[in-house]
Amino acid sequence: MLFTRRDFLYASRSARRTPVLTCVVVLAVAASVAQIVHSLDSSQVETPETIWDDLERNAEQMRSLAGIILFMAGIAVALAITGVYAVLSFAVSQRTREFGIQMVLGATRPGILRSVLLRGTRQIAVGLLFGMAMAEPAAWGLTLFLKKTPQPLKSFDPSVYAISALVLCVVG
C-alpha cells in the first residue's frame, strides 16, 4: 500500500478549533446529501471513498503504466541492438573480399579488426548525432501536446539522452 489509509477532512481555519464536532457535522451532511441524491435518482450507486483511496487507485494505475512503458522500452532496446548488429554484420559481409585482399597484401587480423571497429564506431556516432537531432524536435512537439496533463513532460533532459547514447554505444 503506497499511502496510509486514514480518513481526514479539510476544515476551514475556524473549524480547526473543534475537529470532533466538524467530523460529526460532515458525516451528518454526507448522510443527508446521500438521501437527497437517492431521492432524485435511485439508480445512483453510493460509493463514498477517502482521498487516500483515490490516491492509491491512481498510484496503481501509474504503476501499471510504468510497467507497460518499461516493457516497451526493453523491446525498443532489443530492436536497437538487433539493428546495430545487422548493419555491422552486413557491412562486414560486404567487405569480405576486401579483407582477403588486405590479408594477401600483408594486413594482420588485429589491423582488420581495428578497421571494422573504427567503421562501426563511426556509423554509431553518425547515427547518434542524427538520432539526437531528430529526437529533440519530436520531444518538443510531444511536450506541447502533453502540456496540460497532470504529469507534464520536460522536453530536454540531458541525462536521458546521455544514458541512451551510452547504452547504444556499449551495445554497438
Protein backbone atom coordinates (compact mmCIF):
# COMPACT_ATOMS: atom_id res chain seq x y z
CA MET A 1 0.00 0.00 0.00
CA LEU A 2 1.50 3.30 -1.11
CA PHE A 3 -0.46 5.62 1.13
CA THR A 4 -1.58 5.24 4.71
CA ARG A 5 -5.30 4.84 4.87
CA ARG A 6 -6.77 7.27 7.26
CA ASP A 7 -9.82 9.37 6.92
CA PHE A 8 -9.19 13.03 7.02
CA LEU A 9 -11.06 16.06 6.03
CA TYR A 10 -10.36 19.62 5.12
CA ALA A 11 -11.53 22.00 7.78
CA SER A 12 -11.56 25.75 7.49
CA ARG A 13 -9.48 27.81 9.91
CA SER A 14 -12.46 28.43 12.18
CA ALA A 15 -13.45 24.75 12.20
CA ARG A 16 -9.98 23.53 13.15
CA ARG A 17 -10.59 24.50 16.76
CA THR A 18 -13.30 21.84 17.13
CA PRO A 19 -12.29 18.85 14.96
CA VAL A 20 -14.65 16.29 16.55
CA LEU A 21 -17.68 18.48 16.09
CA THR A 22 -16.64 19.17 12.48
CA CYS A 23 -16.39 15.44 11.72
CA VAL A 24 -19.84 14.78 13.17
CA VAL A 25 -21.32 17.67 11.19
CA VAL A 26 -19.66 16.47 7.98
CA LEU A 27 -20.92 12.91 8.47
CA ALA A 28 -24.43 14.22 9.04
CA VAL A 29 -24.20 16.40 5.93
CA ALA A 30 -22.85 13.46 3.91
CA ALA A 31 -25.76 11.29 5.03
CA SER A 32 -28.30 13.97 4.09
CA VAL A 33 -26.62 14.54 0.71
CA ALA A 34 -26.78 10.79 0.06
CA GLN A 35 -30.51 10.79 0.90
CA ILE A 36 -31.16 13.71 -1.43
CA VAL A 37 -29.25 12.10 -4.28
CA HIS A 38 -31.09 8.81 -3.72
CA SER A 39 -34.46 10.61 -3.75
CA LEU A 40 -33.59 12.35 -7.03
CA ASP A 41 -32.16 9.30 -8.79
CA SER A 42 -32.46 5.91 -7.15
CA SER A 43 -30.19 4.30 -9.74
CA GLN A 44 -27.15 6.18 -8.40
CA VAL A 45 -24.75 3.96 -6.52
CA GLU A 46 -23.38 5.48 -3.37
CA THR A 47 -19.64 4.82 -3.13
CA PRO A 48 -18.04 7.16 -0.66
CA GLU A 49 -14.27 6.99 -0.57
CA THR A 50 -11.47 8.83 1.11
CA ILE A 51 -8.86 10.86 -0.67
CA TRP A 52 -6.33 8.19 0.25
CA ASP A 53 -8.38 5.54 -1.57
CA ASP A 54 -8.44 7.73 -4.67
CA LEU A 55 -4.69 8.39 -4.47
CA GLU A 56 -3.99 4.68 -4.03
CA ARG A 57 -6.10 3.81 -7.09
CA ASN A 58 -4.31 6.48 -9.16
CA ALA A 59 -0.92 5.26 -7.94
CA GLU A 60 -1.80 1.71 -9.01
CA GLN A 61 -2.70 3.00 -12.47
CA MET A 62 0.61 4.86 -12.66
CA ARG A 63 2.49 1.70 -11.60
CA SER A 64 0.74 -0.30 -14.32
CA LEU A 65 1.51 2.36 -16.91
CA ALA A 66 5.16 2.48 -15.80
CA GLY A 67 5.40 -1.30 -16.18
CA ILE A 68 4.00 -1.15 -19.70
CA ILE A 69 6.39 1.66 -20.64
CA LEU A 70 9.33 -0.26 -19.18
CA PHE A 71 8.37 -3.35 -21.18
CA MET A 72 8.07 -1.34 -24.39
CA ALA A 73 11.43 0.35 -23.70
CA GLY A 74 13.01 -3.09 -23.31
CA ILE A 75 11.60 -4.11 -26.68
CA ALA A 76 12.97 -0.88 -28.21
CA VAL A 77 16.45 -1.57 -26.80
CA ALA A 78 16.33 -5.14 -28.11
CA LEU A 79 15.36 -3.83 -31.57
CA ALA A 80 18.17 -1.27 -31.43
CA ILE A 81 20.67 -3.98 -30.51
CA THR A 82 19.42 -6.17 -33.35
CA GLY A 83 19.55 -3.27 -35.80
CA VAL A 84 23.10 -2.28 -34.89
CA TYR A 85 24.23 -5.90 -35.15
CA ALA A 86 22.50 -6.35 -38.51
CA VAL A 87 24.04 -3.21 -40.01
CA LEU A 88 27.55 -4.07 -38.81
CA SER A 89 27.19 -7.69 -39.91
CA PHE A 90 26.02 -6.61 -43.35
CA ALA A 91 28.89 -4.13 -43.67
CA VAL A 92 31.44 -6.81 -42.73
CA SER A 93 29.93 -9.38 -45.09
CA GLN A 94 30.14 -6.86 -47.94
CA ARG A 95 33.84 -6.31 -47.24
CA THR A 96 35.00 -9.96 -47.08
CA ARG A 97 36.77 -9.75 -50.44
CA GLU A 98 38.45 -6.54 -49.34
CA PHE A 99 39.64 -8.28 -46.16
CA GLY A 100 41.03 -11.15 -48.23
CA ILE A 101 42.96 -8.76 -50.45
CA GLN A 102 44.28 -6.88 -47.41
CA MET A 103 45.48 -10.14 -45.83
CA VAL A 104 47.24 -11.12 -49.07
CA LEU A 105 48.94 -7.73 -49.10
CA GLY A 106 50.14 -8.25 -45.51
CA ALA A 107 47.42 -6.93 -43.22
CA THR A 108 47.09 -8.63 -39.84
CA ARG A 109 43.93 -9.79 -38.12
CA PRO A 110 44.17 -7.06 -35.44
CA GLY A 111 44.51 -4.45 -38.21
CA ILE A 112 41.40 -5.70 -39.97
CA LEU A 113 39.51 -5.89 -36.68
CA ARG A 114 40.58 -2.33 -35.91
CA SER A 115 39.26 -1.12 -39.30
CA VAL A 116 35.92 -2.89 -38.72
CA LEU A 117 35.58 -1.43 -35.23
CA LEU A 118 36.55 2.04 -36.46
CA ARG A 119 33.97 1.93 -39.22
CA GLY A 120 31.33 0.62 -36.82
CA THR A 121 32.14 3.31 -34.28
CA ARG A 122 31.88 5.94 -36.98
CA GLN A 123 28.47 4.62 -38.06
CA ILE A 124 27.24 4.56 -34.47
CA ALA A 125 28.46 8.14 -33.88
CA VAL A 126 26.71 9.41 -37.01
CA GLY A 127 23.54 7.54 -36.02
CA LEU A 128 23.62 9.01 -32.52
CA LEU A 129 24.08 12.54 -33.85
CA PHE A 130 21.23 12.23 -36.33
CA GLY A 131 19.07 10.45 -33.75
CA MET A 132 19.55 13.18 -31.17
CA ALA A 133 18.99 15.86 -33.79
CA MET A 134 15.65 14.27 -34.67
CA ALA A 135 14.70 13.40 -31.08
CA GLU A 136 14.78 16.95 -29.74
CA PRO A 137 12.11 18.36 -32.12
CA ALA A 138 9.99 15.26 -31.53
CA ALA A 139 10.29 15.70 -27.75
CA TRP A 140 9.43 19.38 -28.09
CA GLY A 141 6.29 18.53 -30.08
CA LEU A 142 5.29 15.90 -27.54
CA THR A 143 5.82 18.45 -24.77
CA LEU A 144 3.42 20.85 -26.46
CA PHE A 145 0.92 18.04 -26.91
CA LEU A 146 1.12 16.93 -23.27
CA LYS A 147 1.44 20.40 -21.72
CA LYS A 148 -1.93 20.32 -19.95
CA THR A 149 -1.63 16.84 -18.44
CA PRO A 150 -1.16 16.30 -14.70
CA GLN A 151 2.34 14.89 -15.33
CA PRO A 152 4.00 17.47 -17.62
CA LEU A 153 6.87 16.27 -19.77
CA LYS A 154 10.21 18.06 -19.80
CA SER A 155 11.37 18.33 -23.40
CA PHE A 156 15.13 18.18 -22.89
CA ASP A 157 16.60 16.01 -20.18
CA PRO A 158 20.34 15.62 -20.81
CA SER A 159 20.62 12.60 -18.54
CA VAL A 160 18.12 10.63 -20.65
CA TYR A 161 20.00 11.46 -23.84
CA ALA A 162 23.35 10.59 -22.25
CA ILE A 163 22.14 7.26 -20.88
CA SER A 164 20.52 6.36 -24.22
CA ALA A 165 23.69 7.21 -26.13
CA LEU A 166 25.82 5.26 -23.66
CA VAL A 167 23.60 2.15 -23.93
CA LEU A 168 23.71 2.25 -27.74
CA CYS A 169 27.50 2.76 -27.75
CA VAL A 170 28.01 -0.18 -25.39
CA VAL A 171 25.70 -2.36 -27.47
CA GLY A 172 27.40 -1.31 -30.71
